Amino acid sequence: RTRDADVIVLNKVEVNEKSIGQAKNLKLVCVTATGTNNLDKEY
């Protein structure tokens, strides 16, 4: 679903190479949660 996305908005979905590795146009990740444990920050 993120393959051709420029922006993704999420709450609980994990953001890592497996989930956004093919999203070549991605410019912005918006997290609506209070924490960021679901983000692979190194990636």
PDB file of all heavy atoms in Angstrom:
ATOM      1  N   ARG A   1       0.800  -1.225   0.000  1.00  0.00           N
ATOM      2  CA  ARG A   1       0.000   0.000   0.000  1.00  0.00           C
ATOM      3  C   ARG A   1       0.833   1.276   0.000  1.00  0.00           C
ATOM      4  O   ARG A   1       0.345   2.344  -0.368  1.00  0.00           O
ATOM      5  CB  ARG A   1      -0.948  -0.015   1.201  1.00  0.00           C
ATOM      6  CG  ARG A   1      -2.007  -1.099   1.085  1.00  0.00           C
ATOM      7  CD  ARG A   1      -2.781  -1.313   2.373  1.00  0.00           C
ATOM      8  NE  ARG A   1      -3.835  -2.313   2.188  1.00  0.00           N
ATOM      9  CZ  ARG A   1      -4.644  -2.749   3.150  1.00  0.00           C
ATOM     10  NH1 ARG A   1      -4.506  -2.280   4.383  1.00  0.00           N
ATOM     11  NH2 ARG A   1      -5.564  -3.659   2.884  1.00  0.00           N
ATOM     12  N   THR A   2       2.076   1.190   0.430  1.00  0.00           N
ATOM     13  CA  THR A   2       2.936   2.377   0.465  1.00  0.00           C
ATOM     14  C   THR A   2       3.857   2.473  -0.748  1.00  0.00           C
ATOM     15  O   THR A   2       4.655   3.409  -0.840  1.00  0.00           O
ATOM     16  CB  THR A   2       3.807   2.380   1.741  1.00  0.00           C
ATOM     17  OG1 THR A   2       4.659   1.211   1.739  1.00  0.00           O
ATOM     18  CG2 THR A   2       2.954   2.383   2.990  1.00  0.00           C
ATOM     19  N   ARG A   3       3.751   1.540  -1.650  1.00  0.00           N
ATOM     20  CA  ARG A   3       4.689   1.441  -2.767  1.00  0.00           C
ATOM     21  C   ARG A   3       4.844   2.770  -3.530  1.00  0.00           C
ATOM     22  O   ARG A   3       5.956   3.170  -3.868  1.00  0.00           O
ATOM     23  CB  ARG A   3       4.228   0.341  -3.727  1.00  0.00           C
ATOM     24  CG  ARG A   3       5.247   0.008  -4.811  1.00  0.00           C
ATOM     25  CD  ARG A   3       4.649  -0.996  -5.784  1.00  0.00           C
ATOM     26  NE  ARG A   3       4.384  -2.266  -5.153  1.00  0.00           N
ATOM     27  CZ  ARG A   3       5.258  -3.275  -5.080  1.00  0.00           C
ATOM     28  NH1 ARG A   3       6.447  -3.137  -5.626  1.00  0.00           N
ATOM     29  NH2 ARG A   3       4.939  -4.401  -4.491  1.00  0.00           N
ATOM     30  N   ASP A   4       3.740   3.471  -3.801  1.00  0.00           N
ATOM     31  CA  ASP A   4       3.824   4.728  -4.552  1.00  0.00           C
ATOM     32  C   ASP A   4       3.381   5.925  -3.711  1.00  0.00           C
ATOM     33  O   ASP A   4       2.977   6.960  -4.234  1.00  0.00           O
ATOM     34  CB  ASP A   4       2.978   4.653  -5.823  1.00  0.00           C
ATOM     35  CG  ASP A   4       1.520   4.315  -5.526  1.00  0.00           C
ATOM     36  OD1 ASP A   4       1.214   3.945  -4.373  1.00  0.00           O
ATOM     37  OD2 ASP A   4       0.693   4.426  -6.454  1.00  0.00           O
ATOM     38  N   ALA A   5       3.473   5.816  -2.379  1.00  0.00           N
ATOM     39  CA  ALA A   5       3.039   6.898  -1.487  1.00  0.00           C
ATOM     40  C   ALA A   5       4.127   7.951  -1.313  1.00  0.00           C
ATOM     41  O   ALA A   5       5.322   7.640  -1.259  1.00  0.00           O
ATOM     42  CB  ALA A   5       2.647   6.336  -0.125  1.00  0.00           C
ATOM     43  N   ASP A   6       3.714   9.208  -1.237  1.00  0.00           N
ATOM     44  CA  ASP A   6       4.625  10.299  -0.887  1.00  0.00           C
ATOM     45  C   ASP A   6       4.614  10.538   0.619  1.00  0.00           C
ATOM     46  O   ASP A   6       5.619  10.899   1.214  1.00  0.00           O
ATOM     47  CB  ASP A   6       4.211  11.596  -1.591  1.00  0.00           C
ATOM     48  CG  ASP A   6       4.343  11.498  -3.091  1.00  0.00           C
ATOM     49  OD1 ASP A   6       5.478  11.473  -3.580  1.00  0.00           O
ATOM     50  OD2 ASP A   6       3.303  11.423  -3.771  1.00  0.00           O
ATOM     51  N   VAL A   7       3.433  10.373   1.216  1.00  0.00           N
ATOM     52  CA  VAL A   7       3.240  10.588   2.654  1.00  0.00           C
ATOM     53  C   VAL A   7       2.458   9.414   3.214  1.00  0.00           C
ATOM     54  O   VAL A   7       1.488   8.950   2.593  1.00  0.00           O
ATOM     55  CB  VAL A   7       2.458  11.899   2.919  1.00  0.00           C
ATOM     56  CG1 VAL A   7       2.219  12.089   4.419  1.00  0.00           C
ATOM     57  CG2 VAL A   7       3.185  13.096   2.332  1.00  0.00           C
ATOM     58  N   ILE A   8       2.867   8.912   4.378  1.00  0.00           N
ATOM     59  CA  ILE A   8       2.069   7.891   5.055  1.00  0.00           C
ATOM     60  C   ILE A   8       1.703   8.404   6.444  1.00  0.00           C
ATOM     61  O   ILE A   8       2.489   9.080   7.106  1.00  0.00           O
ATOM     62  CB  ILE A   8       2.782   6.524   5.147  1.00  0.00           C
ATOM     63  CG1 ILE A   8       4.092   6.624   5.922  1.00  0.00           C
ATOM     64  CG2 ILE A   8       3.000   5.944   3.775  1.00  0.00           C
ATOM     65  CD1 ILE A   8       4.727   5.258   6.197  1.00  0.00           C
ATOM     66  N   VAL A   9       0.470   8.111   6.854  1.00  0.00           N
ATOM     67  CA  VAL A   9      -0.026   8.494   8.171  1.00  0.00           C
ATOM     68  C   VAL A   9      -0.424   7.212   8.894  1.00  0.00           C
ATOM     69  O   VAL A   9      -1.151   6.380   8.336  1.00  0.00           O
ATOM     70  CB  VAL A   9      -1.238   9.444   8.061  1.00  0.00           C
ATOM     71  CG1 VAL A   9      -1.655   9.935   9.446  1.00  0.00           C
ATOM     72  CG2 VAL A   9      -0.936  10.622   7.145  1.00  0.00           C
ATOM     73  N   LEU A  10       0.049   7.046  10.110  1.00  0.00           N
ATOM     74  CA  LEU A  10      -0.193   5.781  10.822  1.00  0.00           C
ATOM     75  C   LEU A  10      -0.228   6.005  12.317  1.00  0.00           C
ATOM     76  O   LEU A  10       0.191   7.054  12.827  1.00  0.00           O
ATOM     77  CB  LEU A  10       0.910   4.779  10.467  1.00  0.00           C
ATOM     78  CG  LEU A  10       2.331   5.251  10.798  1.00  0.00           C
ATOM     79  CD1 LEU A  10       2.849   4.572  12.046  1.00  0.00           C
ATOM     80  CD2 LEU A  10       3.250   5.016   9.623  1.00  0.00           C
ATOM     81  N   ASN A  11      -0.715   4.979  12.997  1.00  0.00           N
ATOM     82  CA  ASN A  11      -0.759   5.002  14.451  1.00  0.00           C
ATOM     83  C   ASN A  11       0.039   3.843  15.030  1.00  0.00           C
ATOM     84  O   ASN A  11       1.017   4.028  15.739  1.00  0.00           O
ATOM     85  CB  ASN A  11      -2.214   4.955  14.929  1.00  0.00           C
ATOM     86  CG  ASN A  11      -2.348   4.999  16.440  1.00  0.00           C
ATOM     87  OD1 ASN A  11      -1.399   5.318  17.150  1.00  0.00           O
ATOM     88  ND2 ASN A  11      -3.518   4.664  16.938  1.00  0.00           N
ATOM     89  N   LYS A  12      -0.356   2.614  14.683  1.00  0.00           N
ATOM     90  CA  LYS A  12       0.255   1.441  15.290  1.00  0.00           C
ATOM     91  C   LYS A  12       1.070   0.581  14.324  1.00  0.00           C
ATOM     92  O   LYS A  12       1.773  -0.332  14.742  1.00  0.00           O
ATOM     93  CB  LYS A  12      -0.837   0.576  15.943  1.00  0.00           C
ATOM     94  CG  LYS A  12      -1.609   1.294  17.048  1.00  0.00           C
ATOM     95  CD  LYS A  12      -2.677   0.394  17.645  1.00  0.00           C
ATOM     96  CE  LYS A  12      -3.464   1.119  18.724  1.00  0.00           C
ATOM     97  NZ  LYS A  12      -2.646   1.521  19.870  1.00  0.00           N
ATOM     98  N   VAL A  13       0.962   0.831  13.035  1.00  0.00           N
ATOM     99  CA  VAL A  13       1.685   0.028  12.050  1.00  0.00           C
ATOM    100  C   VAL A  13       3.194   0.216  12.227  1.00  0.00           C
ATOM    101  O   VAL A  13       3.668   1.341  12.408  1.00  0.00           O
ATOM    102  CB  VAL A  13       1.272   0.413  10.616  1.00  0.00           C
ATOM    103  CG1 VAL A  13       2.091  -0.368   9.587  1.00  0.00           C
ATOM    104  CG2 VAL A  13      -0.219   0.170  10.407  1.00  0.00           C
ATOM    105  N   GLU A  14       3.944  -0.863  12.177  1.00  0.00           N
ATOM    106  CA  GLU A  14       5.395  -0.767  12.292  1.00  0.00           C
ATOM    107  C   GLU A  14       5.990  -0.190  11.009  1.00  0.00           C
ATOM    108  O   GLU A  14       5.593  -0.574   9.902  1.00  0.00           O
ATOM    109  CB  GLU A  14       5.998  -2.144  12.581  1.00  0.00           C
ATOM    110  CG  GLU A  14       5.663  -2.674  13.969  1.00  0.00           C
ATOM    111  CD  GLU A  14       6.449  -3.922  14.315  1.00  0.00           C
ATOM    112  OE1 GLU A  14       7.265  -4.366  13.489  1.00  0.00           O
ATOM    113  OE2 GLU A  14       6.229  -4.456  15.410  1.00  0.00           O
ATOM    114  N   VAL A  15       6.931   0.729  11.182  1.00  0.00           N
ATOM    115  CA  VAL A  15       7.599   1.357  10.039  1.00  0.00           C
ATOM    116  C   VAL A  15       9.035   0.871  10.021  1.00  0.00           C
ATOM    117  O   VAL A  15       9.849   1.236  10.872  1.00  0.00           O
ATOM    118  CB  VAL A  15       7.543   2.893  10.137  1.00  0.00           C
ATOM    119  CG1 VAL A  15       8.296   3.519   8.976  1.00  0.00           C
ATOM    120  CG2 VAL A  15       6.103   3.375  10.153  1.00  0.00           C
ATOM    121  N   ASN A  16       9.341   0.023   9.059  1.00  0.00           N
ATOM    122  CA  ASN A  16      10.687  -0.535   8.933  1.00  0.00           C
ATOM    123  C   ASN A  16      10.928  -0.883   7.471  1.00  0.00           C
ATOM    124  O   ASN A  16      10.095  -0.589   6.605  1.00  0.00           O
ATOM    125  CB  ASN A  16      10.848  -1.765   9.838  1.00  0.00           C
ATOM    126  CG  ASN A  16       9.713  -2.759   9.674  1.00  0.00           C
ATOM    127  OD1 ASN A  16       9.232  -2.982   8.556  1.00  0.00           O
ATOM    128  ND2 ASN A  16       9.262  -3.359  10.764  1.00  0.00           N
ATOM    129  N   GLU A  17      12.040  -1.515   7.207  1.00  0.00           N
ATOM    130  CA  GLU A  17      12.381  -1.827   5.817  1.00  0.00           C
ATOM    131  C   GLU A  17      11.348  -2.756   5.186  1.00  0.00           C
ATOM    132  O   GLU A  17      11.043  -2.653   4.000  1.00  0.00           O
ATOM    133  CB  GLU A  17      13.772  -2.448   5.751  1.00  0.00           C
ATOM    134  CG  GLU A  17      14.268  -2.662   4.332  1.00  0.00           C
ATOM    135  CD  GLU A  17      15.721  -3.048   4.271  1.00  0.00           C
ATOM    136  OE1 GLU A  17      16.326  -3.286   5.344  1.00  0.00           O
ATOM    137  OE2 GLU A  17      16.266  -3.113   3.149  1.00  0.00           O
ATOM    138  N   LYS A  18      10.797  -3.651   5.992  1.00  0.00           N
ATOM    139  CA  LYS A  18       9.824  -4.602   5.459  1.00  0.00           C
ATOM    140  C   LYS A  18       8.531  -3.914   5.039  1.00  0.00           C
ATOM    141  O   LYS A  18       7.919  -4.271   4.029  1.00  0.00           O
ATOM    142  CB  LYS A  18       9.520  -5.679   6.510  1.00  0.00           C
ATOM    143  CG  LYS A  18       8.680  -6.827   5.997  1.00  0.00           C
ATOM    144  CD  LYS A  18       8.540  -7.917   7.048  1.00  0.00           C
ATOM    145  CE  LYS A  18       7.709  -9.086   6.527  1.00  0.00           C
ATOM    146  NZ  LYS A  18       7.558 -10.145   7.551  1.00  0.00           N
ATOM    147  N   SER A  19       8.113  -2.896   5.785  1.00  0.00           N
ATOM    148  CA  SER A  19       6.827  -2.256   5.502  1.00  0.00           C
ATOM    149  C   SER A  19       6.920  -1.109   4.507  1.00  0.00           C
ATOM    150  O   SER A  19       5.955  -0.820   3.794  1.00  0.00           O
ATOM    151  CB  SER A  19       6.183  -1.754   6.797  1.00  0.00           C
ATOM    152  OG  SER A  19       7.012  -0.807   7.436  1.00  0.00           O
ATOM    153  N   ILE A  20       8.074  -0.420   4.429  1.00  0.00           N
ATOM    154  CA  ILE A  20       8.175   0.726   3.510  1.00  0.00           C
ATOM    155  C   ILE A  20       9.380   0.624   2.575  1.00  0.00           C
ATOM    156  O   ILE A  20       9.721   1.598   1.900  1.00  0.00           O
ATOM    157  CB  ILE A  20       8.232   2.060   4.281  1.00  0.00           C
ATOM    158  CG1 ILE A  20       9.519   2.151   5.127  1.00  0.00           C
ATOM    159  CG2 ILE A  20       6.997   2.255   5.147  1.00  0.00           C
ATOM    160  CD1 ILE A  20       9.788   3.548   5.657  1.00  0.00           C
ATOM    161  N   GLY A  21      10.007  -0.543   2.544  1.00  0.00           N
ATOM    162  CA  GLY A  21      11.214  -0.699   1.726  1.00  0.00           C
ATOM    163  C   GLY A  21      11.002  -0.428   0.258  1.00  0.00           C
ATOM    164  O   GLY A  21      11.941  -0.023  -0.450  1.00  0.00           O
ATOM    165  N   GLN A  22       9.781  -0.648  -0.225  1.00  0.00           N
ATOM    166  CA  GLN A  22       9.498  -0.434  -1.650  1.00  0.00           C
ATOM    167  C   GLN A  22       8.908   0.944  -1.938  1.00  0.00           C
ATOM    168  O   GLN A  22       8.614   1.270  -3.082  1.00  0.00           O
ATOM    169  CB  GLN A  22       8.531  -1.511  -2.135  1.00  0.00           C
ATOM    170  CG  GLN A  22       9.058  -2.932  -1.966  1.00  0.00           C
ATOM    171  CD  GLN A  22       8.047  -3.961  -2.432  1.00  0.00           C
ATOM    172  OE1 GLN A  22       7.752  -4.066  -3.618  1.00  0.00           O
ATOM    173  NE2 GLN A  22       7.504  -4.718  -1.490  1.00  0.00           N
ATOM    174  N   ALA A  23       8.744   1.760  -0.887  1.00  0.00           N
ATOM    175  CA  ALA A  23       8.135   3.088  -1.057  1.00  0.00           C
ATOM    176  C   ALA A  23       9.201   4.093  -1.471  1.00  0.00           C
ATOM    177  O   ALA A  23       9.724   4.854  -0.663  1.00  0.00           O
ATOM    178  CB  ALA A  23       7.457   3.513   0.241  1.00  0.00           C
ATOM    179  N   LYS A  24       9.522   4.096  -2.745  1.00  0.00           N
ATOM    180  CA  LYS A  24      10.634   4.914  -3.249  1.00  0.00           C
ATOM    181  C   LYS A  24      10.325   6.411  -3.265  1.00  0.00           C
ATOM    182  O   LYS A  24      11.243   7.234  -3.272  1.00  0.00           O
ATOM    183  CB  LYS A  24      11.012   4.456  -4.667  1.00  0.00           C
ATOM    184  CG  LYS A  24      11.353   2.968  -4.769  1.00  0.00           C
ATOM    185  CD  LYS A  24      12.473   2.574  -3.814  1.00  0.00           C
ATOM    186  CE  LYS A  24      12.815   1.096  -3.931  1.00  0.00           C
ATOM    187  NZ  LYS A  24      13.820   0.683  -2.909  1.00  0.00           N
ATOM    188  N   ASN A  25       9.045   6.798  -3.259  1.00  0.00           N
ATOM    189  CA  ASN A  25       8.683   8.216  -3.310  1.00  0.00           C
ATOM    190  C   ASN A  25       8.464   8.826  -1.933  1.00  0.00           C
ATOM    191  O   ASN A  25       8.169  10.020  -1.816  1.00  0.00           O
ATOM    192  CB  ASN A  25       7.395   8.408  -4.127  1.00  0.00           C
ATOM    193  CG  ASN A  25       7.559   7.972  -5.557  1.00  0.00           C
ATOM    194  OD1 ASN A  25       8.649   8.050  -6.126  1.00  0.00           O
ATOM    195  ND2 ASN A  25       6.475   7.495  -6.165  1.00  0.00           N
ATOM    196  N   LEU A  26       8.589   8.035  -0.876  1.00  0.00           N
ATOM    197  CA  LEU A  26       8.206   8.468   0.467  1.00  0.00           C
ATOM    198  C   LEU A  26       9.044   9.652   0.946  1.00  0.00           C
ATOM    199  O   LEU A  26      10.268   9.605   0.948  1.00  0.00           O
ATOM    200  CB  LEU A  26       8.348   7.293   1.446  1.00  0.00           C
ATOM    201  CG  LEU A  26       7.737   7.493   2.829  1.00  0.00           C
ATOM    202  CD1 LEU A  26       6.239   7.746   2.725  1.00  0.00           C
ATOM    203  CD2 LEU A  26       8.004   6.275   3.697  1.00  0.00           C
ATOM    204  N   LYS A  27       8.356  10.719   1.372  1.00  0.00           N
ATOM    205  CA  LYS A  27       9.020  11.929   1.861  1.00  0.00           C
ATOM    206  C   LYS A  27       8.692  12.232   3.318  1.00  0.00           C
ATOM    207  O   LYS A  27       9.450  12.930   3.985  1.00  0.00           O
ATOM    208  CB  LYS A  27       8.567  13.146   1.027  1.00  0.00           C
ATOM    209  CG  LYS A  27       8.742  13.003  -0.467  1.00  0.00           C
ATOM    210  CD  LYS A  27      10.195  12.917  -0.875  1.00  0.00           C
ATOM    211  CE  LYS A  27      10.361  13.010  -2.390  1.00  0.00           C
ATOM    212  NZ  LYS A  27       9.567  12.018  -3.130  1.00  0.00           N
ATOM    213  N   LEU A  28       7.548  11.764   3.785  1.00  0.00           N
ATOM    214  CA  LEU A  28       7.097  12.156   5.123  1.00  0.00           C
ATOM    215  C   LEU A  28       6.363  10.994   5.795  1.00  0.00           C
ATOM    216  O   LEU A  28       5.505  10.363   5.178  1.00  0.00           O
ATOM    217  CB  LEU A  28       6.165  13.374   5.023  1.00  0.00           C
ATOM    218  CG  LEU A  28       5.527  13.896   6.313  1.00  0.00           C
ATOM    219  CD1 LEU A  28       6.594  14.418   7.263  1.00  0.00           C
ATOM    220  CD2 LEU A  28       4.524  15.006   5.995  1.00  0.00           C
ATOM    221  N   VAL A  29       6.728  10.714   7.040  1.00  0.00           N
ATOM    222  CA  VAL A  29       6.050   9.707   7.863  1.00  0.00           C
ATOM    223  C   VAL A  29       5.392  10.440   9.021  1.00  0.00           C
ATOM    224  O   VAL A  29       6.078  11.087   9.822  1.00  0.00           O
ATOM    225  CB  VAL A  29       7.032   8.649   8.400  1.00  0.00           C
ATOM    226  CG1 VAL A  29       6.311   7.666   9.301  1.00  0.00           C
ATOM    227  CG2 VAL A  29       7.722   7.918   7.252  1.00  0.00           C
ATOM    228  N   CYS A  30       4.068  10.372   9.114  1.00  0.00           N
ATOM    229  CA  CYS A  30       3.326  11.054  10.182  1.00  0.00           C
ATOM    230  C   CYS A  30       2.816  10.008  11.176  1.00  0.00           C
ATOM    231  O   CYS A  30       2.071   9.103  10.796  1.00  0.00           O
ATOM    232  CB  CYS A  30       2.145  11.823   9.621  1.00  0.00           C
ATOM    233  SG  CYS A  30       2.593  13.026   8.365  1.00  0.00           S
ATOM    234  N   VAL A  31       3.207  10.146  12.441  1.00  0.00           N
ATOM    235  CA  VAL A  31       2.796   9.215  13.485  1.00  0.00           C
ATOM    236  C   VAL A  31       1.782   9.913  14.376  1.00  0.00           C
ATOM    237  O   VAL A  31       2.079  10.947  14.981  1.00  0.00           O
ATOM    238  CB  VAL A  31       4.005   8.739  14.317  1.00  0.00           C
ATOM    239  CG1 VAL A  31       3.574   7.689  15.329  1.00  0.00           C
ATOM    240  CG2 VAL A  31       5.085   8.178  13.411  1.00  0.00           C
ATOM    241  N   THR A  32       0.575   9.360  14.479  1.00  0.00           N
ATOM    242  CA  THR A  32      -0.476   9.992  15.277  1.00  0.00           C
ATOM    243  C   THR A  32      -0.456   9.533  16.723  1.00  0.00           C
ATOM    244  O   THR A  32      -1.245  10.006  17.535  1.00  0.00           O
ATOM    245  CB  THR A  32      -1.865   9.685  14.676  1.00  0.00           C
ATOM    246  OG1 THR A  32      -2.093   8.271  14.721  1.00  0.00           O
ATOM    247  CG2 THR A  32      -1.952  10.157  13.242  1.00  0.00           C
ATOM    248  N   ALA A  33       0.436   8.606  17.073  1.00  0.00           N
ATOM    249  CA  ALA A  33       0.513   8.094  18.439  1.00  0.00           C
ATOM    250  C   ALA A  33       1.419   8.974  19.285  1.00  0.00           C
ATOM    251  O   ALA A  33       2.146   9.830  18.781  1.00  0.00           O
ATOM    252  CB  ALA A  33       1.048   6.660  18.426  1.00  0.00           C
ATOM    253  N   THR A  34       1.383   8.749  20.623  1.00  0.00           N
ATOM    254  CA  THR A  34       2.247   9.505  21.529  1.00  0.00           C
ATOM    255  C   THR A  34       3.653   8.938  21.574  1.00  0.00           C
ATOM    256  O   THR A  34       4.600   9.637  21.906  1.00  0.00           O
ATOM    257  CB  THR A  34       1.669   9.495  22.953  1.00  0.00           C
ATOM    258  OG1 THR A  34       1.442   8.144  23.351  1.00  0.00           O
ATOM    259  CG2 THR A  34       0.366  10.259  23.008  1.00  0.00           C
ATOM    260  N   GLY A  35       3.811   7.666  21.243  1.00  0.00           N
ATOM    261  CA  GLY A  35       5.130   7.042  21.272  1.00  0.00           C
ATOM    262  C   GLY A  35       5.650   6.776  19.874  1.00  0.00           C
ATOM    263  O   GLY A  35       4.943   6.948  18.879  1.00  0.00           O
ATOM    264  N   THR A  36       6.896   6.342  19.791  1.00  0.00           N
ATOM    265  CA  THR A  36       7.511   6.066  18.495  1.00  0.00           C
ATOM    266  C   THR A  36       8.189   4.704  18.487  1.00  0.00           C
ATOM    267  O   THR A  36       9.111   4.466  17.716  1.00  0.00           O
ATOM    268  CB  THR A  36       8.543   7.157  18.142  1.00  0.00           C
ATOM    269  OG1 THR A  36       9.516   7.245  19.194  1.00  0.00           O
ATOM    270  CG2 THR A  36       7.885   8.506  17.966  1.00  0.00           C
ATOM    271  N   ASN A  37       7.725   3.796  19.363  1.00  0.00           N
ATOM    272  CA  ASN A  37       8.345   2.480  19.452  1.00  0.00           C
ATOM    273  C   ASN A  37       8.172   1.663  18.183  1.00  0.00           C
ATOM    274  O   ASN A  37       8.910   0.704  17.943  1.00  0.00           O
ATOM    275  CB  ASN A  37       7.754   1.687  20.628  1.00  0.00           C
ATOM    276  CG  ASN A  37       8.155   2.283  21.964  1.00  0.00           C
ATOM    277  OD1 ASN A  37       8.949   3.204  22.014  1.00  0.00           O
ATOM    278  ND2 ASN A  37       7.595   1.764  23.028  1.00  0.00           N
ATOM    279  N   ASN A  38       7.184   2.018  17.360  1.00  0.00           N
ATOM    280  CA  ASN A  38       6.936   1.260  16.137  1.00  0.00           C
ATOM    281  C   ASN A  38       7.765   1.748  14.955  1.00  0.00           C
ATOM    282  O   ASN A  38       7.604   1.271  13.841  1.00  0.00           O
ATOM    283  CB  ASN A  38       5.440   1.290  15.785  1.00  0.00           C
ATOM    284  CG  ASN A  38       4.905   2.708  15.655  1.00  0.00           C
ATOM    285  OD1 ASN A  38       5.402   3.624  16.298  1.00  0.00           O
ATOM    286  ND2 ASN A  38       3.893   2.885  14.839  1.00  0.00           N
ATOM    287  N   LEU A  39       8.664   2.706  15.195  1.00  0.00           N
ATOM    288  CA  LEU A  39       9.499   3.232  14.117  1.00  0.00           C
ATOM    289  C   LEU A  39      10.912   2.666  14.201  1.00  0.00           C
ATOM    290  O   LEU A  39      11.551   2.728  15.254  1.00  0.00           O
ATOM    291  CB  LEU A  39       9.584   4.760  14.195  1.00  0.00           C
ATOM    292  CG  LEU A  39       8.280   5.552  14.123  1.00  0.00           C
ATOM    293  CD1 LEU A  39       8.585   7.036  14.144  1.00  0.00           C
ATOM    294  CD2 LEU A  39       7.480   5.194  12.884  1.00  0.00           C
ATOM    295  N   ASP A  40      11.388   2.123  13.097  1.00  0.00           N
ATOM    296  CA  ASP A  40      12.782   1.712  12.996  1.00  0.00           C
ATOM    297  C   ASP A  40      13.574   2.964  12.595  1.00  0.00           C
ATOM    298  O   ASP A  40      13.724   3.277  11.418  1.00  0.00           O
ATOM    299  CB  ASP A  40      12.934   0.610  11.940  1.00  0.00           C
ATOM    300  CG  ASP A  40      14.354   0.073  11.856  1.00  0.00           C
ATOM    301  OD1 ASP A  40      15.283   0.775  12.301  1.00  0.00           O
ATOM    302  OD2 ASP A  40      14.545  -1.036  11.316  1.00  0.00           O
ATOM    303  N   LYS A  41      14.066   3.678  13.598  1.00  0.00           N
ATOM    304  CA  LYS A  41      14.670   4.990  13.342  1.00  0.00           C
ATOM    305  C   LYS A  41      15.970   4.883  12.564  1.00  0.00           C
ATOM    306  O   LYS A  41      16.301   5.755  11.756  1.00  0.00           O
ATOM    307  CB  LYS A  41      14.866   5.717  14.670  1.00  0.00           C
ATOM    308  CG  LYS A  41      13.548   5.926  15.411  1.00  0.00           C
ATOM    309  CD  LYS A  41      13.768   6.517  16.776  1.00  0.00           C
ATOM    310  CE  LYS A  41      12.502   6.448  17.599  1.00  0.00           C
ATOM    311  NZ  LYS A  41      12.130   5.069  18.000  1.00  0.00           N
ATOM    312  N   GLU A  42      16.737   3.820  12.818  1.00  0.00           N
ATOM    313  CA  GLU A  42      17.988   3.647  12.077  1.00  0.00           C
ATOM    314  C   GLU A  42      17.708   3.499  10.592  1.00  0.00           C
ATOM    315  O   GLU A  42      18.406   4.070   9.745  1.00  0.00           O
ATOM    316  CB  GLU A  42      18.746   2.425  12.604  1.00  0.00           C
ATOM    317  CG  GLU A  42      19.336   2.631  13.992  1.00  0.00           C
ATOM    318  CD  GLU A  42      20.170   1.450  14.427  1.00  0.00           C
ATOM    319  OE1 GLU A  42      20.438   0.559  13.587  1.00  0.00           O
ATOM    320  OE2 GLU A  42      20.562   1.402  15.599  1.00  0.00           O
ATOM    321  N   TYR A  43      16.674   2.728  10.270  1.00  0.00           N
ATOM    322  CA  TYR A  43      16.328   2.551   8.859  1.00  0.00           C
ATOM    323  C   TYR A  43      15.828   3.865   8.254  1.00  0.00           C
ATOM    324  O   TYR A  43      16.192   4.219   7.125  1.00  0.00           O
ATOM    325  CB  TYR A  43      15.264   1.471   8.707  1.00  0.00           C
ATOM    326  CG  TYR A  43      14.766   1.334   7.289  1.00  0.00           C
ATOM    327  CD1 TYR A  43      15.596   0.833   6.290  1.00  0.00           C
ATOM    328  CD2 TYR A  43      13.481   1.741   6.944  1.00  0.00           C
ATOM    329  CE1 TYR A  43      15.159   0.745   4.976  1.00  0.00           C
ATOM    330  CE2 TYR A  43      13.033   1.645   5.638  1.00  0.00           C
ATOM    331  CZ  TYR A  43      13.877   1.141   4.658  1.00  0.00           C
ATOM    332  OH  TYR A  43      13.447   1.059   3.365  1.00  0.00           O
TER     333      TYR A  43
END
